Amino acid sequence: MGTRMKDPEACENLQDVRDACDAIDREIVALLGKRMPYVRTAVRFKRSETDIMQPDKMPAFMRERREWAADEGLDANFVERLYQVLVDHSFQVQMALWRAGKR
Protein backbone atom coordinates (compact mmCIF):
# COMPACT_ATOMS: atom_id res chain seq x y z
CA MET A 1 0.00 0.00 0.00
CA GLY A 2 2.95 2.28 -0.54
CA THR A 3 1.32 3.92 -3.56
CA ARG A 4 -0.58 7.15 -3.22
CA MET A 5 -4.35 7.01 -3.50
CA LYS A 6 -5.72 8.75 -6.58
CA ASP A 7 -8.43 11.38 -6.35
CA PRO A 8 -11.78 10.08 -7.64
CA GLU A 9 -11.54 12.21 -10.78
CA ALA A 10 -8.05 10.84 -11.52
CA CYS A 11 -9.10 7.17 -11.45
CA GLU A 12 -8.53 5.62 -14.85
CA ASN A 13 -10.15 2.24 -14.25
CA LEU A 14 -12.07 0.13 -11.76
CA GLN A 15 -8.86 -1.12 -10.14
CA ASP A 16 -7.90 2.47 -9.25
CA VAL A 17 -11.29 2.86 -7.57
CA ARG A 18 -10.95 -0.45 -5.71
CA ASP A 19 -7.44 0.43 -4.54
CA ALA A 20 -8.65 3.76 -3.19
CA CYS A 21 -11.62 2.15 -1.43
CA ASP A 22 -9.30 -0.46 0.10
CA ALA A 23 -7.00 2.28 1.39
CA ILE A 24 -9.93 4.17 2.91
CA ASP A 25 -11.32 0.98 4.46
CA ARG A 26 -7.92 0.33 6.03
CA GLU A 27 -8.02 3.81 7.57
CA ILE A 28 -11.52 3.18 8.92
CA VAL A 29 -10.40 -0.08 10.54
CA ALA A 30 -7.34 1.65 12.01
CA LEU A 31 -9.59 4.35 13.50
CA LEU A 32 -11.85 1.70 15.02
CA GLY A 33 -8.72 0.17 16.53
CA LYS A 34 -7.82 3.53 18.05
CA ARG A 35 -11.35 3.97 19.43
CA MET A 36 -11.63 0.60 21.19
CA PRO A 37 -9.10 1.24 24.00
CA TYR A 38 -11.21 4.27 24.97
CA VAL A 39 -14.32 2.09 25.02
CA ARG A 40 -12.56 -0.31 27.39
CA THR A 41 -11.14 2.50 29.55
CA ALA A 42 -14.58 4.06 29.98
CA VAL A 43 -15.60 1.10 32.16
CA ARG A 44 -13.31 2.45 34.91
CA PHE A 45 -15.56 5.48 35.24
CA LYS A 46 -18.90 3.65 35.26
CA ARG A 47 -20.64 2.98 38.57
CA SER A 48 -23.17 0.41 37.37
CA GLU A 49 -24.37 -1.58 34.37
CA THR A 50 -26.97 1.14 33.82
CA ASP A 51 -24.14 3.65 33.44
CA ILE A 52 -22.75 1.53 30.61
CA MET A 53 -25.94 1.64 28.56
CA GLN A 54 -26.88 5.29 29.28
CA PRO A 55 -30.07 5.26 27.19
CA ASP A 56 -30.74 8.90 28.06
CA LYS A 57 -27.57 9.96 26.21
CA MET A 58 -28.24 8.02 23.00
CA PRO A 59 -30.64 10.44 21.30
CA ALA A 60 -28.14 13.33 21.51
CA PHE A 61 -25.26 11.02 20.53
CA MET A 62 -27.10 9.83 17.41
CA ARG A 63 -28.38 13.30 16.56
CA GLU A 64 -24.80 14.60 16.52
CA ARG A 65 -23.62 11.76 14.26
CA ARG A 66 -26.55 12.40 11.93
CA GLU A 67 -25.51 16.06 11.74
CA TRP A 68 -21.93 15.05 10.96
CA ALA A 69 -23.26 12.78 8.22
CA ALA A 70 -25.29 15.59 6.69
CA ASP A 71 -22.25 17.89 6.84
CA GLU A 72 -20.35 15.31 4.77
CA GLY A 73 -23.19 14.84 2.30
CA LEU A 74 -23.91 11.32 3.57
CA ASP A 75 -27.20 9.58 4.21
CA ALA A 76 -27.87 10.23 7.92
CA ASN A 77 -29.95 7.04 8.27
CA PHE A 78 -27.05 4.96 6.94
CA VAL A 79 -24.56 6.59 9.30
CA GLU A 80 -26.92 6.12 12.24
CA ARG A 81 -27.21 2.40 11.45
CA LEU A 82 -23.42 2.11 11.33
CA TYR A 83 -23.11 3.85 14.67
CA GLN A 84 -25.81 1.67 16.19
CA VAL A 85 -23.69 -1.38 15.37
CA LEU A 86 -20.61 0.33 16.81
CA VAL A 87 -22.43 1.37 19.98
CA ASP A 88 -23.98 -2.08 20.46
CA HIS A 89 -20.56 -3.69 20.19
CA SER A 90 -19.06 -1.12 22.56
CA PHE A 91 -21.78 -1.88 25.11
CA GLN A 92 -21.11 -5.61 24.79
CA VAL A 93 -17.38 -5.08 25.38
CA GLN A 94 -18.02 -2.86 28.38
CA MET A 95 -20.59 -5.23 29.89
CA ALA A 96 -18.18 -8.16 29.55
CA LEU A 97 -15.44 -6.17 31.28
CA TRP A 98 -17.85 -5.01 34.00
CA ARG A 99 -19.09 -8.50 34.71
CA ALA A 100 -15.52 -9.84 34.76
CA GLY A 101 -14.68 -7.22 37.38
CA LYS A 102 -12.13 -5.51 35.16
CA ARG A 103 -12.86 -1.96 36.15
C-alpha atoms as a PDB file:
ATOM      1  CA  MET A   1       0.000   0.000   0.000  1.00  0.00           C
ATOM      2  CA  GLY A   2       2.948   2.279  -0.544  1.00  0.00           C
ATOM      3  CA  THR A   3       1.318   3.918  -3.557  1.00  0.00           C
ATOM      4  CA  ARG A   4      -0.578   7.146  -3.216  1.00  0.00           C
ATOM      5  CA  MET A   5      -4.352   7.005  -3.502  1.00  0.00           C
ATOM      6  CA  LYS A   6      -5.719   8.746  -6.584  1.00  0.00           C
ATOM      7  CA  ASP A   7      -8.426  11.381  -6.351  1.00  0.00           C
ATOM      8  CA  PRO A   8     -11.778  10.075  -7.637  1.00  0.00           C
ATOM      9  CA  GLU A   9     -11.538  12.214 -10.776  1.00  0.00           C
ATOM     10  CA  ALA A  10      -8.054  10.836 -11.523  1.00  0.00           C
ATOM     11  CA  CYS A  11      -9.103   7.168 -11.452  1.00  0.00           C
ATOM     12  CA  GLU A  12      -8.533   5.616 -14.847  1.00  0.00           C
ATOM     13  CA  ASN A  13     -10.150   2.235 -14.246  1.00  0.00           C
ATOM     14  CA  LEU A  14     -12.070   0.126 -11.756  1.00  0.00           C
ATOM     15  CA  GLN A  15      -8.855  -1.123 -10.137  1.00  0.00           C
ATOM     16  CA  ASP A  16      -7.899   2.470  -9.248  1.00  0.00           C
ATOM     17  CA  VAL A  17     -11.295   2.863  -7.571  1.00  0.00           C
ATOM     18  CA  ARG A  18     -10.946  -0.445  -5.709  1.00  0.00           C
ATOM     19  CA  ASP A  19      -7.436   0.427  -4.542  1.00  0.00           C
ATOM     20  CA  ALA A  20      -8.655   3.758  -3.192  1.00  0.00           C
ATOM     21  CA  CYS A  21     -11.624   2.153  -1.429  1.00  0.00           C
ATOM     22  CA  ASP A  22      -9.299  -0.460   0.097  1.00  0.00           C
ATOM     23  CA  ALA A  23      -6.999   2.283   1.388  1.00  0.00           C
ATOM     24  CA  ILE A  24      -9.926   4.168   2.911  1.00  0.00           C
ATOM     25  CA  ASP A  25     -11.323   0.984   4.462  1.00  0.00           C
ATOM     26  CA  ARG A  26      -7.918   0.325   6.034  1.00  0.00           C
ATOM     27  CA  GLU A  27      -8.016   3.813   7.572  1.00  0.00           C
ATOM     28  CA  ILE A  28     -11.522   3.177   8.916  1.00  0.00           C
ATOM     29  CA  VAL A  29     -10.405  -0.082  10.538  1.00  0.00           C
ATOM     30  CA  ALA A  30      -7.340   1.652  12.011  1.00  0.00           C
ATOM     31  CA  LEU A  31      -9.587   4.350  13.500  1.00  0.00           C
ATOM     32  CA  LEU A  32     -11.847   1.695  15.017  1.00  0.00           C
ATOM     33  CA  GLY A  33      -8.724   0.166  16.526  1.00  0.00           C
ATOM     34  CA  LYS A  34      -7.819   3.532  18.046  1.00  0.00           C
ATOM     35  CA  ARG A  35     -11.348   3.973  19.435  1.00  0.00           C
ATOM     36  CA  MET A  36     -11.626   0.599  21.191  1.00  0.00           C
ATOM     37  CA  PRO A  37      -9.101   1.241  24.003  1.00  0.00           C
ATOM     38  CA  TYR A  38     -11.209   4.271  24.974  1.00  0.00           C
ATOM     39  CA  VAL A  39     -14.317   2.092  25.018  1.00  0.00           C
ATOM     40  CA  ARG A  40     -12.564  -0.310  27.390  1.00  0.00           C
ATOM     41  CA  THR A  41     -11.139   2.498  29.546  1.00  0.00           C
ATOM     42  CA  ALA A  42     -14.584   4.058  29.979  1.00  0.00           C
ATOM     43  CA  VAL A  43     -15.598   1.098  32.162  1.00  0.00           C
ATOM     44  CA  ARG A  44     -13.311   2.446  34.908  1.00  0.00           C
ATOM     45  CA  PHE A  45     -15.562   5.484  35.239  1.00  0.00           C
ATOM     46  CA  LYS A  46     -18.897   3.650  35.257  1.00  0.00           C
ATOM     47  CA  ARG A  47     -20.643   2.978  38.567  1.00  0.00           C
ATOM     48  CA  SER A  48     -23.167   0.407  37.368  1.00  0.00           C
ATOM     49  CA  GLU A  49     -24.372  -1.582  34.373  1.00  0.00           C
ATOM     50  CA  THR A  50     -26.967   1.139  33.818  1.00  0.00           C
ATOM     51  CA  ASP A  51     -24.136   3.645  33.438  1.00  0.00           C
ATOM     52  CA  ILE A  52     -22.755   1.525  30.614  1.00  0.00           C
ATOM     53  CA  MET A  53     -25.938   1.638  28.559  1.00  0.00           C
ATOM     54  CA  GLN A  54     -26.880   5.291  29.282  1.00  0.00           C
ATOM     55  CA  PRO A  55     -30.065   5.257  27.192  1.00  0.00           C
ATOM     56  CA  ASP A  56     -30.735   8.903  28.058  1.00  0.00           C
ATOM     57  CA  LYS A  57     -27.566   9.956  26.206  1.00  0.00           C
ATOM     58  CA  MET A  58     -28.238   8.020  23.003  1.00  0.00           C
ATOM     59  CA  PRO A  59     -30.642  10.443  21.299  1.00  0.00           C
ATOM     60  CA  ALA A  60     -28.144  13.334  21.513  1.00  0.00           C
ATOM     61  CA  PHE A  61     -25.262  11.023  20.528  1.00  0.00           C
ATOM     62  CA  MET A  62     -27.098   9.831  17.409  1.00  0.00           C
ATOM     63  CA  ARG A  63     -28.377  13.301  16.558  1.00  0.00           C
ATOM     64  CA  GLU A  64     -24.805  14.596  16.518  1.00  0.00           C
ATOM     65  CA  ARG A  65     -23.616  11.759  14.257  1.00  0.00           C
ATOM     66  CA  ARG A  66     -26.551  12.401  11.930  1.00  0.00           C
ATOM     67  CA  GLU A  67     -25.512  16.060  11.736  1.00  0.00           C
ATOM     68  CA  TRP A  68     -21.932  15.047  10.957  1.00  0.00           C
ATOM     69  CA  ALA A  69     -23.255  12.778   8.216  1.00  0.00           C
ATOM     70  CA  ALA A  70     -25.292  15.592   6.686  1.00  0.00           C
ATOM     71  CA  ASP A  71     -22.254  17.894   6.841  1.00  0.00           C
ATOM     72  CA  GLU A  72     -20.347  15.311   4.774  1.00  0.00           C
ATOM     73  CA  GLY A  73     -23.189  14.841   2.295  1.00  0.00           C
ATOM     74  CA  LEU A  74     -23.913  11.322   3.574  1.00  0.00           C
ATOM     75  CA  ASP A  75     -27.200   9.582   4.212  1.00  0.00           C
ATOM     76  CA  ALA A  76     -27.866  10.228   7.921  1.00  0.00           C
ATOM     77  CA  ASN A  77     -29.949   7.037   8.271  1.00  0.00           C
ATOM     78  CA  PHE A  78     -27.055   4.959   6.941  1.00  0.00           C
ATOM     79  CA  VAL A  79     -24.558   6.590   9.304  1.00  0.00           C
ATOM     80  CA  GLU A  80     -26.915   6.123  12.240  1.00  0.00           C
ATOM     81  CA  ARG A  81     -27.213   2.399  11.453  1.00  0.00           C
ATOM     82  CA  LEU A  82     -23.423   2.107  11.332  1.00  0.00           C
ATOM     83  CA  TYR A  83     -23.115   3.850  14.669  1.00  0.00           C
ATOM     84  CA  GLN A  84     -25.805   1.675  16.187  1.00  0.00           C
ATOM     85  CA  VAL A  85     -23.691  -1.375  15.365  1.00  0.00           C
ATOM     86  CA  LEU A  86     -20.613   0.333  16.806  1.00  0.00           C
ATOM     87  CA  VAL A  87     -22.425   1.367  19.982  1.00  0.00           C
ATOM     88  CA  ASP A  88     -23.985  -2.077  20.461  1.00  0.00           C
ATOM     89  CA  HIS A  89     -20.562  -3.685  20.187  1.00  0.00           C
ATOM     90  CA  SER A  90     -19.055  -1.123  22.565  1.00  0.00           C
ATOM     91  CA  PHE A  91     -21.780  -1.876  25.111  1.00  0.00           C
ATOM     92  CA  GLN A  92     -21.106  -5.608  24.785  1.00  0.00           C
ATOM     93  CA  VAL A  93     -17.383  -5.081  25.378  1.00  0.00           C
ATOM     94  CA  GLN A  94     -18.015  -2.860  28.382  1.00  0.00           C
ATOM     95  CA  MET A  95     -20.587  -5.230  29.890  1.00  0.00           C
ATOM     96  CA  ALA A  96     -18.178  -8.156  29.548  1.00  0.00           C
ATOM     97  CA  LEU A  97     -15.439  -6.174  31.282  1.00  0.00           C
ATOM     98  CA  TRP A  98     -17.846  -5.008  33.995  1.00  0.00           C
ATOM     99  CA  ARG A  99     -19.090  -8.504  34.707  1.00  0.00           C
ATOM    100  CA  ALA A 100     -15.521  -9.843  34.764  1.00  0.00           C
ATOM    101  CA  GLY A 101     -14.679  -7.223  37.382  1.00  0.00           C
ATOM    102  CA  LYS A 102     -12.126  -5.508  35.158  1.00  0.00           C
ATOM    103  CA  ARG A 103     -12.864  -1.955  36.154  1.00  0.00           C
END
